[in-house]
Full PDB file with SEQRES, HELIX, SHEET, SSBOND, CRYST1, ORIGX, SCALE, CONECT and MASTER records, all heavy atoms in Angstrom:
SEQRES   1 A   35  ILE ASN LEU ILE GLN SER LEU LYS GLU PHE TYR SER LEU          
SEQRES   2 A   35  GLY ILE VAL THR SER SER PRO GLY ILE TYR ALA ARG LYS          
SEQRES   3 A   35  LEU ILE GLU TYR HIS ASN LEU THR ILE                          
HELIX    1 AA1 ASN A    2  LYS A    8  1                                   7    
HELIX    2 AA2 GLY A   21  TYR A   30  1                                  10    
CRYST1    1.000    1.000    1.000  90.00  90.00  90.00 P 1           1          
ORIGX1      1.000000  0.000000  0.000000        0.00000                         
ORIGX2      0.000000  1.000000  0.000000        0.00000                         
ORIGX3      0.000000  0.000000  1.000000        0.00000                         
SCALE1      1.000000  0.000000  0.000000        0.00000                         
SCALE2      0.000000  1.000000  0.000000        0.00000                         
SCALE3      0.000000  0.000000  1.000000        0.00000                         
ATOM      1  N   ILE A   1       2.204   7.749  -4.853  1.00  0.00           N  
ATOM      2  CA  ILE A   1       3.420   7.003  -5.001  1.00  0.00           C  
ATOM      3  C   ILE A   1       4.641   7.731  -4.439  1.00  0.00           C  
ATOM      4  O   ILE A   1       5.463   7.204  -3.691  1.00  0.00           O  
ATOM      5  CB  ILE A   1       3.694   6.601  -6.504  1.00  0.00           C  
ATOM      6  CG1 ILE A   1       2.611   5.682  -7.030  1.00  0.00           C  
ATOM      7  CG2 ILE A   1       5.045   6.007  -6.716  1.00  0.00           C  
ATOM      8  CD1 ILE A   1       2.561   4.327  -6.339  1.00  0.00           C  
ATOM      9  N   ASN A   2       4.703   9.007  -4.718  1.00  0.00           N  
ATOM     10  CA  ASN A   2       5.767   9.870  -4.207  1.00  0.00           C  
ATOM     11  C   ASN A   2       5.655   9.955  -2.655  1.00  0.00           C  
ATOM     12  O   ASN A   2       6.678   9.893  -1.973  1.00  0.00           O  
ATOM     13  CB  ASN A   2       5.700  11.292  -4.830  1.00  0.00           C  
ATOM     14  CG  ASN A   2       6.933  12.107  -4.463  1.00  0.00           C  
ATOM     15  OD1 ASN A   2       8.035  11.640  -4.320  1.00  0.00           O  
ATOM     16  ND2 ASN A   2       6.693  13.422  -4.353  1.00  0.00           N  
ATOM     17  N   LEU A   3       4.473  10.085  -2.145  1.00  0.00           N  
ATOM     18  CA  LEU A   3       4.252  10.131  -0.730  1.00  0.00           C  
ATOM     19  C   LEU A   3       4.784   8.844  -0.042  1.00  0.00           C  
ATOM     20  O   LEU A   3       5.556   8.927   0.891  1.00  0.00           O  
ATOM     21  CB  LEU A   3       2.757  10.274  -0.401  1.00  0.00           C  
ATOM     22  CG  LEU A   3       2.366  10.181   1.082  1.00  0.00           C  
ATOM     23  CD1 LEU A   3       2.793  11.386   1.819  1.00  0.00           C  
ATOM     24  CD2 LEU A   3       0.844  10.043   1.181  1.00  0.00           C  
ATOM     25  N   ILE A   4       4.385   7.680  -0.610  1.00  0.00           N  
ATOM     26  CA  ILE A   4       4.835   6.444  -0.061  1.00  0.00           C  
ATOM     27  C   ILE A   4       6.358   6.309  -0.102  1.00  0.00           C  
ATOM     28  O   ILE A   4       7.010   5.915   0.913  1.00  0.00           O  
ATOM     29  CB  ILE A   4       4.141   5.267  -0.782  1.00  0.00           C  
ATOM     30  CG1 ILE A   4       2.643   5.235  -0.435  1.00  0.00           C  
ATOM     31  CG2 ILE A   4       4.794   3.910  -0.390  1.00  0.00           C  
ATOM     32  CD1 ILE A   4       1.827   4.309  -1.357  1.00  0.00           C  
ATOM     33  N   GLN A   5       6.946   6.620  -1.222  1.00  0.00           N  
ATOM     34  CA  GLN A   5       8.399   6.536  -1.373  1.00  0.00           C  
ATOM     35  C   GLN A   5       9.115   7.442  -0.370  1.00  0.00           C  
ATOM     36  O   GLN A   5      10.105   7.091   0.220  1.00  0.00           O  
ATOM     37  CB  GLN A   5       8.847   6.878  -2.796  1.00  0.00           C  
ATOM     38  CG  GLN A   5       8.347   5.854  -3.827  1.00  0.00           C  
ATOM     39  CD  GLN A   5       8.816   4.472  -3.514  1.00  0.00           C  
ATOM     40  OE1 GLN A   5       8.136   3.671  -2.818  1.00  0.00           O  
ATOM     41  NE2 GLN A   5       9.958   4.095  -4.025  1.00  0.00           N  
ATOM     42  N   SER A   6       8.616   8.651  -0.194  1.00  0.00           N  
ATOM     43  CA  SER A   6       9.205   9.577   0.742  1.00  0.00           C  
ATOM     44  C   SER A   6       9.028   9.163   2.193  1.00  0.00           C  
ATOM     45  O   SER A   6       9.988   9.318   3.013  1.00  0.00           O  
ATOM     46  CB  SER A   6       8.537  11.008   0.576  1.00  0.00           C  
ATOM     47  OG  SER A   6       8.733  11.458  -0.732  1.00  0.00           O  
ATOM     48  N   LEU A   7       7.910   8.602   2.547  1.00  0.00           N  
ATOM     49  CA  LEU A   7       7.653   8.204   3.940  1.00  0.00           C  
ATOM     50  C   LEU A   7       8.444   6.927   4.332  1.00  0.00           C  
ATOM     51  O   LEU A   7       8.790   6.775   5.542  1.00  0.00           O  
ATOM     52  CB  LEU A   7       6.190   7.984   4.156  1.00  0.00           C  
ATOM     53  CG  LEU A   7       5.303   9.183   4.028  1.00  0.00           C  
ATOM     54  CD1 LEU A   7       3.864   8.848   4.197  1.00  0.00           C  
ATOM     55  CD2 LEU A   7       5.691  10.299   5.022  1.00  0.00           C  
ATOM     56  N   LYS A   8       8.716   6.070   3.396  1.00  0.00           N  
ATOM     57  CA  LYS A   8       9.403   4.765   3.715  1.00  0.00           C  
ATOM     58  C   LYS A   8      10.735   4.959   4.407  1.00  0.00           C  
ATOM     59  O   LYS A   8      11.146   4.080   5.152  1.00  0.00           O  
ATOM     60  CB  LYS A   8       9.625   3.978   2.380  1.00  0.00           C  
ATOM     61  CG  LYS A   8       8.435   3.192   1.981  1.00  0.00           C  
ATOM     62  CD  LYS A   8       8.836   2.381   0.756  1.00  0.00           C  
ATOM     63  CE  LYS A   8       7.709   1.432   0.435  1.00  0.00           C  
ATOM     64  NZ  LYS A   8       8.020   0.522  -0.649  1.00  0.00           N  
ATOM     65  N   GLU A   9      11.370   6.051   4.151  1.00  0.00           N  
ATOM     66  CA  GLU A   9      12.667   6.350   4.758  1.00  0.00           C  
ATOM     67  C   GLU A   9      12.546   6.584   6.267  1.00  0.00           C  
ATOM     68  O   GLU A   9      13.483   6.349   7.028  1.00  0.00           O  
ATOM     69  CB  GLU A   9      13.296   7.555   4.067  1.00  0.00           C  
ATOM     70  CG  GLU A   9      14.693   7.837   4.483  1.00  0.00           C  
ATOM     71  CD  GLU A   9      15.298   9.009   3.735  1.00  0.00           C  
ATOM     72  OE1 GLU A   9      14.869   9.300   2.636  1.00  0.00           O  
ATOM     73  OE2 GLU A   9      16.224   9.636   4.271  1.00  0.00           O  
ATOM     74  N   PHE A  10      11.356   7.053   6.701  1.00  0.00           N  
ATOM     75  CA  PHE A  10      11.201   7.505   8.109  1.00  0.00           C  
ATOM     76  C   PHE A  10      10.184   6.625   8.878  1.00  0.00           C  
ATOM     77  O   PHE A  10      10.211   6.688  10.111  1.00  0.00           O  
ATOM     78  CB  PHE A  10      10.746   8.962   8.127  1.00  0.00           C  
ATOM     79  CG  PHE A  10      11.621   9.890   7.373  1.00  0.00           C  
ATOM     80  CD1 PHE A  10      11.338  10.328   6.093  1.00  0.00           C  
ATOM     81  CD2 PHE A  10      12.807  10.320   7.956  1.00  0.00           C  
ATOM     82  CE1 PHE A  10      12.191  11.155   5.427  1.00  0.00           C  
ATOM     83  CE2 PHE A  10      13.702  11.164   7.302  1.00  0.00           C  
ATOM     84  CZ  PHE A  10      13.350  11.575   6.024  1.00  0.00           C  
ATOM     85  N   TYR A  11       9.311   5.928   8.207  1.00  0.00           N  
ATOM     86  CA  TYR A  11       8.237   5.184   8.889  1.00  0.00           C  
ATOM     87  C   TYR A  11       8.103   3.770   8.356  1.00  0.00           C  
ATOM     88  O   TYR A  11       8.396   3.501   7.203  1.00  0.00           O  
ATOM     89  CB  TYR A  11       6.903   5.890   8.580  1.00  0.00           C  
ATOM     90  CG  TYR A  11       6.728   7.288   9.100  1.00  0.00           C  
ATOM     91  CD1 TYR A  11       6.957   8.344   8.232  1.00  0.00           C  
ATOM     92  CD2 TYR A  11       6.323   7.563  10.379  1.00  0.00           C  
ATOM     93  CE1 TYR A  11       6.782   9.679   8.666  1.00  0.00           C  
ATOM     94  CE2 TYR A  11       6.198   8.867  10.834  1.00  0.00           C  
ATOM     95  CZ  TYR A  11       6.382   9.902  10.004  1.00  0.00           C  
ATOM     96  OH  TYR A  11       6.241  11.188  10.404  1.00  0.00           O  
ATOM     97  N   SER A  12       7.608   2.892   9.203  1.00  0.00           N  
ATOM     98  CA  SER A  12       7.113   1.614   8.747  1.00  0.00           C  
ATOM     99  C   SER A  12       5.717   1.826   8.264  1.00  0.00           C  
ATOM    100  O   SER A  12       4.943   2.547   8.897  1.00  0.00           O  
ATOM    101  CB  SER A  12       7.078   0.585   9.887  1.00  0.00           C  
ATOM    102  OG  SER A  12       8.409   0.339  10.394  1.00  0.00           O  
ATOM    103  N   LEU A  13       5.332   1.245   7.088  1.00  0.00           N  
ATOM    104  CA  LEU A  13       4.021   1.515   6.527  1.00  0.00           C  
ATOM    105  C   LEU A  13       3.171   0.281   6.451  1.00  0.00           C  
ATOM    106  O   LEU A  13       3.678  -0.859   6.265  1.00  0.00           O  
ATOM    107  CB  LEU A  13       4.212   2.074   5.096  1.00  0.00           C  
ATOM    108  CG  LEU A  13       5.062   3.358   4.951  1.00  0.00           C  
ATOM    109  CD1 LEU A  13       5.161   3.785   3.518  1.00  0.00           C  
ATOM    110  CD2 LEU A  13       4.500   4.486   5.811  1.00  0.00           C  
ATOM    111  N   GLY A  14       1.863   0.505   6.544  1.00  0.00           N  
ATOM    112  CA  GLY A  14       0.893  -0.607   6.400  1.00  0.00           C  
ATOM    113  C   GLY A  14      -0.424  -0.086   5.858  1.00  0.00           C  
ATOM    114  O   GLY A  14      -0.650   1.097   5.809  1.00  0.00           O  
ATOM    115  N   ILE A  15      -1.220  -1.063   5.388  1.00  0.00           N  
ATOM    116  CA  ILE A  15      -2.562  -0.753   4.895  1.00  0.00           C  
ATOM    117  C   ILE A  15      -3.539  -1.531   5.765  1.00  0.00           C  
ATOM    118  O   ILE A  15      -3.367  -2.758   5.953  1.00  0.00           O  
ATOM    119  CB  ILE A  15      -2.744  -1.110   3.413  1.00  0.00           C  
ATOM    120  CG1 ILE A  15      -1.890  -0.244   2.550  1.00  0.00           C  
ATOM    121  CG2 ILE A  15      -4.259  -1.013   3.016  1.00  0.00           C  
ATOM    122  CD1 ILE A  15      -1.905  -0.637   1.066  1.00  0.00           C  
ATOM    123  N   VAL A  16      -4.537  -0.890   6.315  1.00  0.00           N  
ATOM    124  CA  VAL A  16      -5.636  -1.523   7.036  1.00  0.00           C  
ATOM    125  C   VAL A  16      -6.930  -1.102   6.347  1.00  0.00           C  
ATOM    126  O   VAL A  16      -7.273   0.046   6.336  1.00  0.00           O  
ATOM    127  CB  VAL A  16      -5.635  -1.150   8.524  1.00  0.00           C  
ATOM    128  CG1 VAL A  16      -6.836  -1.755   9.217  1.00  0.00           C  
ATOM    129  CG2 VAL A  16      -4.363  -1.587   9.184  1.00  0.00           C  
ATOM    130  N   THR A  17      -7.617  -2.083   5.757  1.00  0.00           N  
ATOM    131  CA  THR A  17      -8.786  -1.825   4.996  1.00  0.00           C  
ATOM    132  C   THR A  17      -9.977  -2.705   5.444  1.00  0.00           C  
ATOM    133  O   THR A  17      -9.767  -3.831   5.934  1.00  0.00           O  
ATOM    134  CB  THR A  17      -8.524  -2.046   3.465  1.00  0.00           C  
ATOM    135  OG1 THR A  17      -9.718  -1.733   2.756  1.00  0.00           O  
ATOM    136  CG2 THR A  17      -8.055  -3.471   3.180  1.00  0.00           C  
ATOM    137  N   SER A  18     -11.187  -2.200   5.232  1.00  0.00           N  
ATOM    138  CA  SER A  18     -12.384  -2.983   5.498  1.00  0.00           C  
ATOM    139  C   SER A  18     -12.756  -3.804   4.247  1.00  0.00           C  
ATOM    140  O   SER A  18     -13.780  -4.458   4.266  1.00  0.00           O  
ATOM    141  CB  SER A  18     -13.556  -2.035   5.902  1.00  0.00           C  
ATOM    142  OG  SER A  18     -13.242  -1.412   7.120  1.00  0.00           O  
ATOM    143  N   SER A  19     -11.968  -3.740   3.243  1.00  0.00           N  
ATOM    144  CA  SER A  19     -12.213  -4.485   1.981  1.00  0.00           C  
ATOM    145  C   SER A  19     -11.655  -5.887   2.131  1.00  0.00           C  
ATOM    146  O   SER A  19     -10.767  -6.154   2.867  1.00  0.00           O  
ATOM    147  CB  SER A  19     -11.551  -3.804   0.794  1.00  0.00           C  
ATOM    148  OG  SER A  19     -12.083  -2.553   0.573  1.00  0.00           O  
ATOM    149  N   PRO A  20     -12.239  -6.840   1.330  1.00  0.00           N  
ATOM    150  CA  PRO A  20     -11.746  -8.205   1.334  1.00  0.00           C  
ATOM    151  C   PRO A  20     -10.301  -8.272   0.849  1.00  0.00           C  
ATOM    152  O   PRO A  20      -9.872  -7.483  -0.036  1.00  0.00           O  
ATOM    153  CB  PRO A  20     -12.665  -8.963   0.417  1.00  0.00           C  
ATOM    154  CG  PRO A  20     -13.867  -8.134   0.239  1.00  0.00           C  
ATOM    155  CD  PRO A  20     -13.421  -6.703   0.483  1.00  0.00           C  
ATOM    156  N   GLY A  21      -9.551  -9.210   1.411  1.00  0.00           N  
ATOM    157  CA  GLY A  21      -8.113  -9.302   1.045  1.00  0.00           C  
ATOM    158  C   GLY A  21      -7.808  -9.535  -0.402  1.00  0.00           C  
ATOM    159  O   GLY A  21      -6.895  -8.977  -0.952  1.00  0.00           O  
ATOM    160  N   ILE A  22      -8.589 -10.378  -1.040  1.00  0.00           N  
ATOM    161  CA  ILE A  22      -8.349 -10.720  -2.441  1.00  0.00           C  
ATOM    162  C   ILE A  22      -8.455  -9.416  -3.288  1.00  0.00           C  
ATOM    163  O   ILE A  22      -7.560  -9.111  -4.118  1.00  0.00           O  
ATOM    164  CB  ILE A  22      -9.322 -11.786  -2.992  1.00  0.00           C  
ATOM    165  CG1 ILE A  22      -9.050 -13.098  -2.269  1.00  0.00           C  
ATOM    166  CG2 ILE A  22      -9.239 -11.907  -4.497  1.00  0.00           C  
ATOM    167  CD1 ILE A  22     -10.073 -14.170  -2.532  1.00  0.00           C  
ATOM    168  N   TYR A  23      -9.512  -8.702  -3.050  1.00  0.00           N  
ATOM    169  CA  TYR A  23      -9.738  -7.371  -3.752  1.00  0.00           C  
ATOM    170  C   TYR A  23      -8.581  -6.420  -3.443  1.00  0.00           C  
ATOM    171  O   TYR A  23      -8.025  -5.813  -4.342  1.00  0.00           O  
ATOM    172  CB  TYR A  23     -11.096  -6.792  -3.324  1.00  0.00           C  
ATOM    173  CG  TYR A  23     -11.245  -5.311  -3.601  1.00  0.00           C  
ATOM    174  CD1 TYR A  23     -11.537  -4.874  -4.872  1.00  0.00           C  
ATOM    175  CD2 TYR A  23     -11.064  -4.403  -2.581  1.00  0.00           C  
ATOM    176  CE1 TYR A  23     -11.722  -3.527  -5.102  1.00  0.00           C  
ATOM    177  CE2 TYR A  23     -11.197  -3.073  -2.800  1.00  0.00           C  
ATOM    178  CZ  TYR A  23     -11.499  -2.608  -4.083  1.00  0.00           C  
ATOM    179  OH  TYR A  23     -11.675  -1.283  -4.288  1.00  0.00           O  
ATOM    180  N   ALA A  24      -8.268  -6.279  -2.138  1.00  0.00           N  
ATOM    181  CA  ALA A  24      -7.215  -5.325  -1.745  1.00  0.00           C  
ATOM    182  C   ALA A  24      -5.875  -5.698  -2.378  1.00  0.00           C  
ATOM    183  O   ALA A  24      -5.184  -4.807  -2.869  1.00  0.00           O  
ATOM    184  CB  ALA A  24      -7.116  -5.288  -0.250  1.00  0.00           C  
ATOM    185  N   ARG A  25      -5.548  -6.943  -2.384  1.00  0.00           N  
ATOM    186  CA  ARG A  25      -4.270  -7.352  -3.002  1.00  0.00           C  
ATOM    187  C   ARG A  25      -4.246  -7.097  -4.488  1.00  0.00           C  
ATOM    188  O   ARG A  25      -3.215  -6.659  -5.035  1.00  0.00           O  
ATOM    189  CB  ARG A  25      -3.939  -8.861  -2.728  1.00  0.00           C  
ATOM    190  CG  ARG A  25      -3.426  -9.053  -1.309  1.00  0.00           C  
ATOM    191  CD  ARG A  25      -2.977 -10.478  -1.045  1.00  0.00           C  
ATOM    192  NE  ARG A  25      -4.088 -11.403  -0.902  1.00  0.00           N  
ATOM    193  CZ  ARG A  25      -4.833 -11.528   0.159  1.00  0.00           C  
ATOM    194  NH1 ARG A  25      -4.591 -10.806   1.260  1.00  0.00           N  
ATOM    195  NH2 ARG A  25      -5.789 -12.417   0.210  1.00  0.00           N  
ATOM    196  N   LYS A  26      -5.352  -7.306  -5.183  1.00  0.00           N  
ATOM    197  CA  LYS A  26      -5.455  -7.027  -6.632  1.00  0.00           C  
ATOM    198  C   LYS A  26      -5.309  -5.570  -6.858  1.00  0.00           C  
ATOM    199  O   LYS A  26      -4.576  -5.128  -7.816  1.00  0.00           O  
ATOM    200  CB  LYS A  26      -6.812  -7.517  -7.197  1.00  0.00           C  
ATOM    201  CG  LYS A  26      -6.887  -9.062  -7.352  1.00  0.00           C  
ATOM    202  CD  LYS A  26      -8.234  -9.430  -7.895  1.00  0.00           C  
ATOM    203  CE  LYS A  26      -8.402 -10.930  -7.973  1.00  0.00           C  
ATOM    204  NZ  LYS A  26      -7.658 -11.558  -9.029  1.00  0.00           N  
ATOM    205  N   LEU A  27      -5.905  -4.716  -6.051  1.00  0.00           N  
ATOM    206  CA  LEU A  27      -5.807  -3.268  -6.211  1.00  0.00           C  
ATOM    207  C   LEU A  27      -4.412  -2.782  -5.910  1.00  0.00           C  
ATOM    208  O   LEU A  27      -3.857  -1.988  -6.664  1.00  0.00           O  
ATOM    209  CB  LEU A  27      -6.833  -2.611  -5.209  1.00  0.00           C  
ATOM    210  CG  LEU A  27      -7.232  -1.211  -5.471  1.00  0.00           C  
ATOM    211  CD1 LEU A  27      -7.978  -1.072  -6.808  1.00  0.00           C  
ATOM    212  CD2 LEU A  27      -8.167  -0.735  -4.333  1.00  0.00           C  
ATOM    213  N   ILE A  28      -3.816  -3.289  -4.839  1.00  0.00           N  
ATOM    214  CA  ILE A  28      -2.454  -2.915  -4.483  1.00  0.00           C  
ATOM    215  C   ILE A  28      -1.467  -3.332  -5.610  1.00  0.00           C  
ATOM    216  O   ILE A  28      -0.635  -2.542  -5.995  1.00  0.00           O  
ATOM    217  CB  ILE A  28      -2.078  -3.592  -3.137  1.00  0.00           C  
ATOM    218  CG1 ILE A  28      -2.812  -2.898  -2.027  1.00  0.00           C  
ATOM    219  CG2 ILE A  28      -0.559  -3.512  -2.916  1.00  0.00           C  
ATOM    220  CD1 ILE A  28      -2.832  -3.697  -0.698  1.00  0.00           C  
ATOM    221  N   GLU A  29      -1.591  -4.522  -6.130  1.00  0.00           N  
ATOM    222  CA  GLU A  29      -0.735  -4.992  -7.164  1.00  0.00           C  
ATOM    223  C   GLU A  29      -0.926  -4.195  -8.439  1.00  0.00           C  
ATOM    224  O   GLU A  29       0.045  -3.780  -9.129  1.00  0.00           O  
ATOM    225  CB  GLU A  29      -1.006  -6.505  -7.431  1.00  0.00           C  
ATOM    226  CG  GLU A  29      -0.064  -7.064  -8.510  1.00  0.00           C  
ATOM    227  CD  GLU A  29      -0.335  -8.553  -8.694  1.00  0.00           C  
ATOM    228  OE1 GLU A  29      -0.485  -9.301  -7.694  1.00  0.00           O  
ATOM    229  OE2 GLU A  29      -0.416  -8.956  -9.861  1.00  0.00           O  
ATOM    230  N   TYR A  30      -2.185  -3.929  -8.847  1.00  0.00           N  
ATOM    231  CA  TYR A  30      -2.460  -3.202 -10.083  1.00  0.00           C  
ATOM    232  C   TYR A  30      -1.804  -1.801 -10.043  1.00  0.00           C  
ATOM    233  O   TYR A  30      -1.288  -1.312 -11.024  1.00  0.00           O  
ATOM    234  CB  TYR A  30      -3.988  -3.033 -10.283  1.00  0.00           C  
ATOM    235  CG  TYR A  30      -4.247  -2.280 -11.580  1.00  0.00           C  
ATOM    236  CD1 TYR A  30      -4.206  -2.896 -12.789  1.00  0.00           C  
ATOM    237  CD2 TYR A  30      -4.579  -0.939 -11.485  1.00  0.00           C  
ATOM    238  CE1 TYR A  30      -4.439  -2.198 -13.972  1.00  0.00           C  
ATOM    239  CE2 TYR A  30      -4.782  -0.204 -12.668  1.00  0.00           C  
ATOM    240  CZ  TYR A  30      -4.739  -0.853 -13.914  1.00  0.00           C  
ATOM    241  OH  TYR A  30      -4.935  -0.142 -15.087  1.00  0.00           O  
ATOM    242  N   HIS A  31      -1.856  -1.170  -8.849  1.00  0.00           N  
ATOM    243  CA  HIS A  31      -1.332   0.179  -8.740  1.00  0.00           C  
ATOM    244  C   HIS A  31       0.093   0.264  -8.251  1.00  0.00           C  
ATOM    245  O   HIS A  31       0.633   1.320  -7.957  1.00  0.00           O  
ATOM    246  CB  HIS A  31      -2.270   1.046  -7.834  1.00  0.00           C  
ATOM    247  CG  HIS A  31      -3.573   1.329  -8.513  1.00  0.00           C  
ATOM    248  ND1 HIS A  31      -3.708   2.184  -9.524  1.00  0.00           N  
ATOM    249  CD2 HIS A  31      -4.808   0.835  -8.233  1.00  0.00           C  
ATOM    250  CE1 HIS A  31      -4.999   2.246  -9.912  1.00  0.00           C  
ATOM    251  NE2 HIS A  31      -5.649   1.428  -9.155  1.00  0.00           N  
ATOM    252  N   ASN A  32       0.737  -0.867  -8.096  1.00  0.00           N  
ATOM    253  CA  ASN A  32       2.149  -0.995  -7.693  1.00  0.00           C  
ATOM    254  C   ASN A  32       2.416  -0.250  -6.373  1.00  0.00           C  
ATOM    255  O   ASN A  32       3.398   0.497  -6.240  1.00  0.00           O  
ATOM    256  CB  ASN A  32       3.075  -0.465  -8.801  1.00  0.00           C  
ATOM    257  CG  ASN A  32       3.013  -1.299 -10.042  1.00  0.00           C  
ATOM    258  OD1 ASN A  32       3.080  -2.509  -9.980  1.00  0.00           O  
ATOM    259  ND2 ASN A  32       2.853  -0.631 -11.155  1.00  0.00           N  
ATOM    260  N   LEU A  33       1.503  -0.413  -5.450  1.00  0.00           N  
ATOM    261  CA  LEU A  33       1.728   0.187  -4.087  1.00  0.00           C  
ATOM    262  C   LEU A  33       2.689  -0.735  -3.341  1.00  0.00           C  
ATOM    263  O   LEU A  33       2.444  -1.883  -3.115  1.00  0.00           O  
ATOM    264  CB  LEU A  33       0.367   0.281  -3.377  1.00  0.00           C  
ATOM    265  CG  LEU A  33      -0.597   1.229  -3.952  1.00  0.00           C  
ATOM    266  CD1 LEU A  33      -1.990   1.081  -3.229  1.00  0.00           C  
ATOM    267  CD2 LEU A  33      -0.131   2.681  -3.846  1.00  0.00           C  
ATOM    268  N   THR A  34       3.828  -0.141  -2.975  1.00  0.00           N  
ATOM    269  CA  THR A  34       4.860  -0.952  -2.367  1.00  0.00           C  
ATOM    270  C   THR A  34       4.797  -0.828  -0.831  1.00  0.00           C  
ATOM    271  O   THR A  34       5.715  -0.383  -0.153  1.00  0.00           O  
ATOM    272  CB  THR A  34       6.252  -0.510  -2.813  1.00  0.00           C  
ATOM    273  OG1 THR A  34       6.376   0.904  -2.613  1.00  0.00           O  
ATOM    274  CG2 THR A  34       6.427  -0.810  -4.349  1.00  0.00           C  
ATOM    275  N   ILE A  35       3.641  -1.250  -0.287  1.00  0.00           N  
ATOM    276  CA  ILE A  35       3.452  -1.263   1.159  1.00  0.00           C  
ATOM    277  C   ILE A  35       3.250  -2.753   1.515  1.00  0.00           C  
ATOM    278  O   ILE A  35       2.239  -3.376   1.124  1.00  0.00           O  
ATOM    279  CB  ILE A  35       2.194  -0.418   1.555  1.00  0.00           C  
ATOM    280  CG1 ILE A  35       2.425   1.037   1.151  1.00  0.00           C  
ATOM    281  CG2 ILE A  35       1.947  -0.564   3.039  1.00  0.00           C  
ATOM    282  CD1 ILE A  35       1.207   1.954   1.422  1.00  0.00           C  
TER     283      ILE A  35                                                      
MASTER        0    0    0    2    0    0    0    6  282    1    0    3          
END                                                                             
């Protein structure tokens, strides 16, 4: 979380996964990943 917050100031961020979108969105939401 600290890494993501620190990097947002300098970079555009994204997630590219081989996992299904429904699963990935649930995981991202559960862990409050702001990407």
